[in-house]
Protein backbone atom coordinates (compact mmCIF):
# COMPACT_ATOMS: atom_id res chain seq x y z
CA MET A 1 0.20 0.18 0.03
CA LYS A 2 1.21 3.39 -1.01
CA THR A 3 1.24 6.19 1.35
CA TYR A 4 1.17 10.26 0.66
CA GLU A 5 1.40 12.99 2.96
CA ILE A 6 -1.32 15.50 2.26
CA LYS A 7 0.00 19.18 3.19
CA TYR A 8 -1.75 21.79 4.71
CA ALA A 9 -1.76 25.08 2.71
CA LYS A 10 -4.16 28.11 3.26
CA GLY A 11 -5.13 31.10 0.73
CA ASP A 12 -3.20 31.09 -2.65
CA ILE A 13 -1.70 27.60 -2.81
CA ASP A 14 2.04 27.35 -4.40
CA TRP A 15 1.72 24.29 -6.49
CA SER A 16 5.32 24.06 -6.67
CA THR A 17 6.10 23.22 -3.30
CA VAL A 18 3.58 20.79 -3.20
CA PRO A 19 4.61 16.81 -3.46
CA LYS A 20 3.50 14.86 -6.30
CA LEU A 21 2.16 11.18 -6.68
CA ASP A 22 2.70 9.38 -9.65
CA VAL A 23 -0.26 7.53 -11.36
CA ASP A 24 1.77 5.34 -12.70
CA GLU A 25 0.02 1.65 -12.08
CA TYR A 26 -1.24 0.19 -15.30
CA ASN A 27 -4.45 -1.90 -14.66
CA TRP A 28 -6.16 -4.36 -17.12
CA GLY A 29 -3.95 -3.14 -19.89
CA GLU A 30 -0.46 -2.14 -21.16
CA ASP A 31 1.56 0.67 -20.66
CA CYS A 32 0.24 3.48 -23.54
CA GLY A 33 2.62 6.23 -22.63
CA ILE A 34 0.22 8.29 -20.68
CA ARG A 35 1.64 9.72 -17.45
CA THR A 36 0.10 11.82 -14.80
CA GLN A 37 0.52 13.06 -11.60
CA PHE A 38 -1.49 14.50 -8.66
CA GLN A 39 -1.11 16.94 -6.26
CA ILE A 40 -3.32 17.45 -3.06
CA VAL A 41 -3.40 19.88 -0.16
CA TRP A 42 -5.87 20.60 2.47
CA ASN A 43 -7.27 22.96 5.28
CA GLU A 44 -10.18 23.45 7.40
CA GLU A 45 -11.96 24.21 4.38
CA GLY A 46 -11.47 21.51 2.43
CA LEU A 47 -9.04 19.30 0.33
CA SER A 48 -7.75 20.67 -3.17
CA CYS A 49 -6.37 18.81 -5.85
CA HIS A 50 -3.81 19.37 -8.68
CA GLY A 51 -3.65 16.55 -11.46
CA VAL A 52 -1.75 16.72 -14.49
CA SER A 53 -1.53 14.10 -17.28
CA VAL A 54 0.69 13.97 -20.64
CA GLU A 55 -1.88 12.61 -23.10
CA LYS A 56 -1.65 13.02 -26.40
CA ASP A 57 -4.85 11.80 -27.94
CA ILE A 58 -7.33 13.86 -25.77
CA LEU A 59 -10.73 13.21 -25.84
CA ALA A 60 -13.27 15.42 -24.55
CA ARG A 61 -16.97 15.58 -25.45
CA TYR A 62 -19.02 15.92 -22.47
CA ASP A 63 -19.92 19.16 -21.01
CA ASP A 64 -23.24 18.58 -19.12
CA GLN A 65 -24.11 17.10 -15.98
CA ASN A 66 -24.63 13.62 -15.17
CA CYS A 67 -22.60 12.89 -18.25
CA PRO A 68 -20.27 9.39 -18.56
CA VAL A 69 -16.91 11.39 -18.07
CA TRP A 70 -14.91 8.74 -17.77
CA CYS A 71 -15.35 7.77 -21.39
CA ASP A 72 -13.56 10.92 -22.16
CA SER A 73 -9.88 11.73 -21.15
CA CYS A 74 -10.67 11.67 -17.34
CA MET A 75 -8.96 12.29 -13.90
CA GLU A 76 -10.36 10.72 -10.57
CA PHE A 77 -10.11 11.25 -6.95
CA PHE A 78 -11.73 8.69 -4.72
CA PHE A 79 -11.78 8.91 -1.00
CA HIS A 80 -13.24 7.61 2.30
CA PRO A 81 -13.94 10.77 4.64
CA VAL A 82 -14.29 8.48 7.44
CA GLU A 83 -12.26 5.27 8.37
CA ASN A 84 -15.13 3.22 9.80
CA ASP A 85 -17.68 4.39 7.47
CA SER A 86 -17.67 1.98 4.38
CA ARG A 87 -18.91 4.50 1.88
CA TYR A 88 -16.37 6.73 -0.16
CA LEU A 89 -16.89 9.63 -2.63
CA ASN A 90 -15.75 9.65 -5.68
CA PHE A 91 -14.84 12.64 -8.19
CA GLU A 92 -14.13 12.36 -12.20
CA CYS A 93 -13.45 14.94 -14.25
CA ASN A 94 -13.21 15.84 -18.00
CA PRO A 95 -10.74 18.03 -19.80
CA ASN A 96 -13.76 20.21 -19.90
CA GLY A 97 -14.76 20.47 -16.65
CA ALA A 98 -17.58 18.23 -16.63
CA ILE A 99 -17.68 16.17 -13.27
CA TYR A 100 -19.54 12.69 -12.30
CA THR A 101 -19.47 12.60 -8.47
CA GLY A 102 -20.90 9.99 -6.09
CA ILE A 103 -21.45 8.18 -2.89
CA GLY A 104 -21.38 4.46 -2.03
CA THR A 105 -19.54 1.41 -1.09
CA ASN A 106 -19.03 -0.47 -4.73
CA MET A 107 -20.16 -0.04 -8.39
CA PRO A 108 -23.68 -1.48 -7.95
CA ASP A 109 -24.79 0.85 -5.01
CA ARG A 110 -23.53 4.34 -6.34
CA VAL A 111 -25.86 7.35 -5.69
CA ARG A 112 -24.97 9.77 -8.07
CA LEU A 113 -24.71 13.56 -6.58
CA ILE A 114 -25.41 16.26 -8.60
CA GLU A 115 -24.55 19.96 -7.26
CA GLN A 116 -26.50 22.65 -8.82
CA ASN A 117 -23.49 24.43 -9.98
CA GLU A 118 -21.00 21.94 -9.76
CA LYS A 119 -17.96 23.38 -11.41
CA GLN A 120 -18.31 26.71 -9.41
CA ASP A 121 -18.82 24.51 -5.95
CA PHE A 122 -16.31 22.25 -6.52
CA SER A 123 -13.78 25.17 -8.02
CA ILE A 124 -13.21 22.94 -11.08
CA LYS A 125 -10.54 24.74 -13.67
CA THR A 126 -9.18 22.56 -16.52
CA ALA A 127 -6.83 23.68 -18.93
CA ARG A 128 -4.80 22.25 -22.23
CA THR A 129 -0.82 21.94 -21.73
CA GLN A 130 1.97 21.78 -24.29
CA ASP A 131 1.73 17.93 -23.79
CA GLY A 132 -1.79 17.00 -22.28
CA TRP A 133 -4.25 18.75 -19.96
CA GLU A 134 -4.71 19.63 -15.97
CA MET A 135 -7.48 19.84 -13.78
CA TYR A 136 -7.70 21.64 -10.22
CA LEU A 137 -10.78 20.45 -8.16
CA THR A 138 -11.68 21.18 -4.57
CA VAL A 139 -13.81 19.48 -2.09
CA PRO A 140 -15.25 21.38 0.46
CA VAL A 141 -15.91 20.15 4.12
CA SER A 142 -19.37 22.04 3.56
CA PHE A 143 -19.98 19.37 1.07
CA ILE A 144 -18.70 16.34 3.01
CA SER A 145 -20.64 17.03 5.82
CA MET A 146 -24.03 17.04 4.08
CA PHE A 147 -23.12 12.69 4.23
CA TYR A 148 -20.53 12.35 7.22
CA PRO A 149 -22.34 15.24 9.42
CA GLY A 150 -19.66 17.10 11.40
CA TYR A 151 -16.98 16.30 9.36
CA GLU A 152 -13.64 17.94 10.02
CA LEU A 153 -10.04 17.39 8.41
CA ARG A 154 -7.48 17.83 11.14
CA GLU A 155 -3.43 17.30 11.28
CA GLY A 156 -2.92 13.44 11.85
CA MET A 157 -6.01 12.52 10.01
CA ILE A 158 -5.55 9.44 7.85
CA ILE A 159 -7.83 8.60 4.58
CA LYS A 160 -7.94 5.88 2.15
CA ALA A 161 -7.81 7.07 -1.18
CA ASN A 162 -7.25 6.83 -4.87
CA CYS A 163 -6.27 8.71 -7.78
CA MET A 164 -6.85 7.64 -11.41
CA LYS A 165 -6.47 8.14 -14.93
CA CYS A 166 -8.54 6.62 -17.44
CA GLY A 167 -10.54 7.16 -20.64
CA ASP A 168 -12.89 4.41 -21.73
CA ASP A 169 -13.56 5.57 -25.41
CA THR A 170 -10.06 7.07 -25.93
CA VAL A 171 -7.88 6.13 -28.66
CA TYR A 172 -5.68 3.83 -26.23
CA GLN A 173 -8.09 2.70 -23.49
CA HIS A 174 -6.40 2.69 -20.23
CA PHE A 175 -6.77 2.37 -16.77
CA ILE A 176 -3.97 4.00 -14.61
CA SER A 177 -4.06 4.48 -10.61
CA TRP A 178 -1.55 5.27 -8.08
CA ASN A 179 -2.62 2.14 -6.09
CA LYS A 180 -2.87 -1.00 -8.07
CA TYR A 181 -6.21 -2.57 -8.18
CA PRO A 182 -6.52 -6.33 -8.25
CA GLU A 183 -6.89 -8.36 -11.44
CA GLU A 184 -10.54 -8.66 -11.08
CA PRO A 185 -13.24 -7.58 -10.77
CA ILE A 186 -12.23 -4.84 -13.64
CA THR A 187 -13.34 -1.77 -11.84
CA PHE A 188 -11.72 1.64 -9.75
CA HIS A 189 -14.86 1.09 -7.38
CA ASN A 190 -12.70 -1.52 -4.98
CA SER A 191 -12.09 0.63 -2.20
CA ALA A 192 -9.68 -2.65 -0.97
CA ALA A 193 -6.93 -0.93 -3.60
CA PHE A 194 -7.15 2.51 -1.89
CA GLY A 195 -3.72 3.64 -0.33
CA GLU A 196 -3.41 6.09 2.80
CA MET A 197 -3.11 9.63 2.76
CA ILE A 198 -1.95 11.57 5.76
CA LEU A 199 -2.87 15.09 6.84
CA VAL A 200 0.47 16.71 7.81
CA LYS A 201 1.26 20.42 8.58
């Protein structure tokens, strides 16, 4: 199991100082040359993620709510907010900033969560880069608290999580993750494959 320290950051985030984690475990397929890294920080207001993907053949078709963004080029962040609660939240984003959010314990029991102003509420920003694309996403504590009442982020907390890069309909179909998944079942919705992220100051 891999581990990552989520550093504390308040105000304008200097991403150049934030440690990176490599999304480099190819699951259910061969290495197609896509390279992805995530950076994550925390403060009392929420978790902020920055993902960068080196990807030649970007696919970005969807721009509406409740779309299958995982069929496009897609970066994803799944995590257990509470250790003794088997439910986890998943955030999946394509290069258009379209996002798919859900909660549940596995794929069959997922409940789709739709925020009225998703791009604004999750501070989603995406951009094309010279050799791929990048994504910014914030998960507010106020949002997490709707499903985990009284939730708070604090120093020393450990959350189980995984970061992924996929693209079901892309030129080179791929399913890449920070922590590797087992051969079966073929799904990212398996929290047994999550690593540990530790909140530090």
